[in-house]
Amino acid sequence: MSEKTNQFVKALYETVVQEGLHTYKEMYEEELSASEVDKYSQAIHMYQQMNAEQQRLMMHMIEVVMVDTVSHVFGVLDGTSPLTDYEMEATVLLDGTDTEMELQDTFIGYLQDEDLYP
């Protein structure tokens, strides 16, 4: 695997998963006024009614979904996972270098090497 691919998957993990999870946690822990209603309000209310262990588990579930989604998208982009009923292939170049068959494996390897995901 190329160093650029390694850097790319690490940066994507930090941006999408870590920062995204932090944003969800902050949003879920904010106090909502009675007049605030949006697409997240029921989930936020549910989260705020949970004990600390239940909140930790909910954040873990969100993280699992985020990691699995990023992994799957990488698989589609690098050609290891086909799209359902779609024949076109994507190509991802990092500074002109093709990432064919590398993104998903590099992402999963990064998670394992850093002990970020069981």
C-alpha atoms as a PDB file:
ATOM      1  CA  MET A   1       0.000   0.000   0.000  1.00  0.00           C
ATOM      2  CA  SER A   2       1.257   3.453  -0.841  1.00  0.00           C
ATOM      3  CA  GLU A   3       2.039   6.073   1.783  1.00  0.00           C
ATOM      4  CA  LYS A   4      -0.443   8.445   0.126  1.00  0.00           C
ATOM      5  CA  THR A   5      -3.200   5.859   0.474  1.00  0.00           C
ATOM      6  CA  ASN A   6      -2.291   5.374   4.141  1.00  0.00           C
ATOM      7  CA  GLN A   7      -2.394   9.130   4.763  1.00  0.00           C
ATOM      8  CA  PHE A   8      -5.695   9.474   2.897  1.00  0.00           C
ATOM      9  CA  VAL A   9      -7.544   6.749   4.821  1.00  0.00           C
ATOM     10  CA  LYS A  10      -6.211   8.047   8.150  1.00  0.00           C
ATOM     11  CA  ALA A  11      -7.323  11.598   7.328  1.00  0.00           C
ATOM     12  CA  LEU A  12     -10.721  10.358   6.180  1.00  0.00           C
ATOM     13  CA  TYR A  13     -11.173   8.327   9.388  1.00  0.00           C
ATOM     14  CA  GLU A  14     -10.258  11.315  11.534  1.00  0.00           C
ATOM     15  CA  THR A  15     -12.544  13.657   9.592  1.00  0.00           C
ATOM     16  CA  VAL A  16     -15.585  11.462   9.029  1.00  0.00           C
ATOM     17  CA  VAL A  17     -15.610   9.102  12.009  1.00  0.00           C
ATOM     18  CA  GLN A  18     -13.810  10.865  14.854  1.00  0.00           C
ATOM     19  CA  GLU A  19     -15.007  14.402  14.152  1.00  0.00           C
ATOM     20  CA  GLY A  20     -18.468  13.149  13.167  1.00  0.00           C
ATOM     21  CA  LEU A  21     -18.810  11.154  16.371  1.00  0.00           C
ATOM     22  CA  HIS A  22     -17.689  14.169  18.397  1.00  0.00           C
ATOM     23  CA  THR A  23     -20.307  16.320  16.654  1.00  0.00           C
ATOM     24  CA  TYR A  24     -23.060  13.773  17.389  1.00  0.00           C
ATOM     25  CA  LYS A  25     -22.032  13.527  21.044  1.00  0.00           C
ATOM     26  CA  GLU A  26     -22.048  17.312  21.464  1.00  0.00           C
ATOM     27  CA  MET A  27     -25.402  17.605  19.718  1.00  0.00           C
ATOM     28  CA  TYR A  28     -26.933  14.818  21.812  1.00  0.00           C
ATOM     29  CA  GLU A  29     -25.723  16.337  25.065  1.00  0.00           C
ATOM     30  CA  GLU A  30     -27.016  19.861  24.386  1.00  0.00           C
ATOM     31  CA  GLU A  31     -30.066  21.030  26.244  1.00  0.00           C
ATOM     32  CA  LEU A  32     -33.081  21.385  23.972  1.00  0.00           C
ATOM     33  CA  SER A  33     -35.713  24.014  24.515  1.00  0.00           C
ATOM     34  CA  ALA A  34     -39.341  22.921  24.335  1.00  0.00           C
ATOM     35  CA  SER A  35     -39.752  24.767  21.036  1.00  0.00           C
ATOM     36  CA  GLU A  36     -36.812  23.066  19.296  1.00  0.00           C
ATOM     37  CA  VAL A  37     -37.995  20.429  16.874  1.00  0.00           C
ATOM     38  CA  ASP A  38     -35.802  18.949  14.165  1.00  0.00           C
ATOM     39  CA  LYS A  39     -35.045  15.580  12.655  1.00  0.00           C
ATOM     40  CA  TYR A  40     -32.725  14.694  15.545  1.00  0.00           C
ATOM     41  CA  SER A  41     -34.868  15.836  18.469  1.00  0.00           C
ATOM     42  CA  GLN A  42     -36.389  12.430  19.270  1.00  0.00           C
ATOM     43  CA  ALA A  43     -33.003  10.707  19.184  1.00  0.00           C
ATOM     44  CA  ILE A  44     -31.479  13.486  21.303  1.00  0.00           C
ATOM     45  CA  HIS A  45     -34.303  13.214  23.824  1.00  0.00           C
ATOM     46  CA  MET A  46     -33.865   9.430  23.980  1.00  0.00           C
ATOM     47  CA  TYR A  47     -30.097   9.813  24.455  1.00  0.00           C
ATOM     48  CA  GLN A  48     -30.581  12.316  27.281  1.00  0.00           C
ATOM     49  CA  GLN A  49     -32.875   9.887  29.106  1.00  0.00           C
ATOM     50  CA  MET A  50     -30.236   7.125  29.065  1.00  0.00           C
ATOM     51  CA  ASN A  51     -27.727   6.351  31.787  1.00  0.00           C
ATOM     52  CA  ALA A  52     -24.000   6.799  31.068  1.00  0.00           C
ATOM     53  CA  GLU A  53     -23.488   3.170  29.954  1.00  0.00           C
ATOM     54  CA  GLN A  54     -26.452   3.295  27.579  1.00  0.00           C
ATOM     55  CA  GLN A  55     -25.138   6.584  26.138  1.00  0.00           C
ATOM     56  CA  ARG A  56     -21.717   4.988  25.616  1.00  0.00           C
ATOM     57  CA  LEU A  57     -23.340   2.045  23.807  1.00  0.00           C
ATOM     58  CA  MET A  58     -25.385   4.368  21.595  1.00  0.00           C
ATOM     59  CA  MET A  59     -22.251   6.308  20.608  1.00  0.00           C
ATOM     60  CA  HIS A  60     -20.519   3.002  19.884  1.00  0.00           C
ATOM     61  CA  MET A  61     -23.411   1.935  17.628  1.00  0.00           C
ATOM     62  CA  ILE A  62     -23.148   5.228  15.741  1.00  0.00           C
ATOM     63  CA  GLU A  63     -19.389   4.695  15.377  1.00  0.00           C
ATOM     64  CA  VAL A  64     -19.907   1.156  14.038  1.00  0.00           C
ATOM     65  CA  VAL A  65     -22.334   2.434  11.405  1.00  0.00           C
ATOM     66  CA  MET A  66     -19.952   5.235  10.406  1.00  0.00           C
ATOM     67  CA  VAL A  67     -16.934   2.915  10.114  1.00  0.00           C
ATOM     68  CA  ASP A  68     -18.878   0.278   8.195  1.00  0.00           C
ATOM     69  CA  THR A  69     -20.233   2.925   5.826  1.00  0.00           C
ATOM     70  CA  VAL A  70     -16.793   4.421   5.137  1.00  0.00           C
ATOM     71  CA  SER A  71     -15.385   0.933   4.564  1.00  0.00           C
ATOM     72  CA  HIS A  72     -18.158   0.052   2.147  1.00  0.00           C
ATOM     73  CA  VAL A  73     -17.789   3.298   0.210  1.00  0.00           C
ATOM     74  CA  PHE A  74     -14.030   2.688  -0.029  1.00  0.00           C
ATOM     75  CA  GLY A  75     -14.787  -0.781  -1.384  1.00  0.00           C
ATOM     76  CA  VAL A  76     -17.036   0.664  -4.060  1.00  0.00           C
ATOM     77  CA  LEU A  77     -14.477   3.323  -4.985  1.00  0.00           C
ATOM     78  CA  ASP A  78     -11.511   0.950  -5.168  1.00  0.00           C
ATOM     79  CA  GLY A  79     -13.368  -1.769  -7.055  1.00  0.00           C
ATOM     80  CA  THR A  80     -13.490  -4.450  -4.358  1.00  0.00           C
ATOM     81  CA  SER A  81     -17.250  -4.064  -3.790  1.00  0.00           C
ATOM     82  CA  PRO A  82     -19.631  -3.767  -6.760  1.00  0.00           C
ATOM     83  CA  LEU A  83     -22.641  -1.489  -6.820  1.00  0.00           C
ATOM     84  CA  THR A  84     -25.991  -3.251  -7.057  1.00  0.00           C
ATOM     85  CA  ASP A  85     -27.333  -3.237 -10.620  1.00  0.00           C
ATOM     86  CA  TYR A  86     -24.716  -0.750 -11.788  1.00  0.00           C
ATOM     87  CA  GLU A  87     -21.936  -1.550 -14.221  1.00  0.00           C
ATOM     88  CA  MET A  88     -19.867   1.655 -14.129  1.00  0.00           C
ATOM     89  CA  GLU A  89     -16.583   1.581 -12.200  1.00  0.00           C
ATOM     90  CA  ALA A  90     -15.091   4.430 -10.198  1.00  0.00           C
ATOM     91  CA  THR A  91     -11.431   5.383 -10.188  1.00  0.00           C
ATOM     92  CA  VAL A  92      -9.814   7.268  -7.336  1.00  0.00           C
ATOM     93  CA  LEU A  93      -6.442   8.880  -7.908  1.00  0.00           C
ATOM     94  CA  LEU A  94      -4.365  10.294  -5.069  1.00  0.00           C
ATOM     95  CA  ASP A  95      -1.898  12.751  -6.577  1.00  0.00           C
ATOM     96  CA  GLY A  96      -2.148  10.839  -9.837  1.00  0.00           C
ATOM     97  CA  THR A  97      -1.684   7.369  -8.300  1.00  0.00           C
ATOM     98  CA  ASP A  98      -4.492   4.844  -8.818  1.00  0.00           C
ATOM     99  CA  THR A  99      -5.899   3.384  -5.586  1.00  0.00           C
ATOM    100  CA  GLU A 100      -7.470   0.345  -7.245  1.00  0.00           C
ATOM    101  CA  MET A 101      -8.032  -2.494  -4.743  1.00  0.00           C
ATOM    102  CA  GLU A 102      -6.286  -0.536  -1.934  1.00  0.00           C
ATOM    103  CA  LEU A 103      -8.637   1.845  -0.143  1.00  0.00           C
ATOM    104  CA  GLN A 104     -10.837  -0.583   1.757  1.00  0.00           C
ATOM    105  CA  ASP A 105      -7.979  -2.892   2.780  1.00  0.00           C
ATOM    106  CA  THR A 106      -5.818   0.050   3.841  1.00  0.00           C
ATOM    107  CA  PHE A 107      -8.703   1.513   5.859  1.00  0.00           C
ATOM    108  CA  ILE A 108      -9.404  -1.773   7.650  1.00  0.00           C
ATOM    109  CA  GLY A 109      -5.673  -2.297   8.226  1.00  0.00           C
ATOM    110  CA  TYR A 110      -5.355   1.192   9.707  1.00  0.00           C
ATOM    111  CA  LEU A 111      -8.222   0.520  12.110  1.00  0.00           C
ATOM    112  CA  GLN A 112      -6.647  -2.773  13.191  1.00  0.00           C
ATOM    113  CA  ASP A 113      -3.102  -1.391  13.484  1.00  0.00           C
ATOM    114  CA  GLU A 114      -4.258   1.527  15.620  1.00  0.00           C
ATOM    115  CA  ASP A 115      -6.665  -0.663  17.630  1.00  0.00           C
ATOM    116  CA  LEU A 116      -9.491   1.737  16.763  1.00  0.00           C
ATOM    117  CA  TYR A 117     -12.120  -0.828  15.985  1.00  0.00           C
ATOM    118  CA  PRO A 118     -12.592  -4.394  17.197  1.00  0.00           C
END
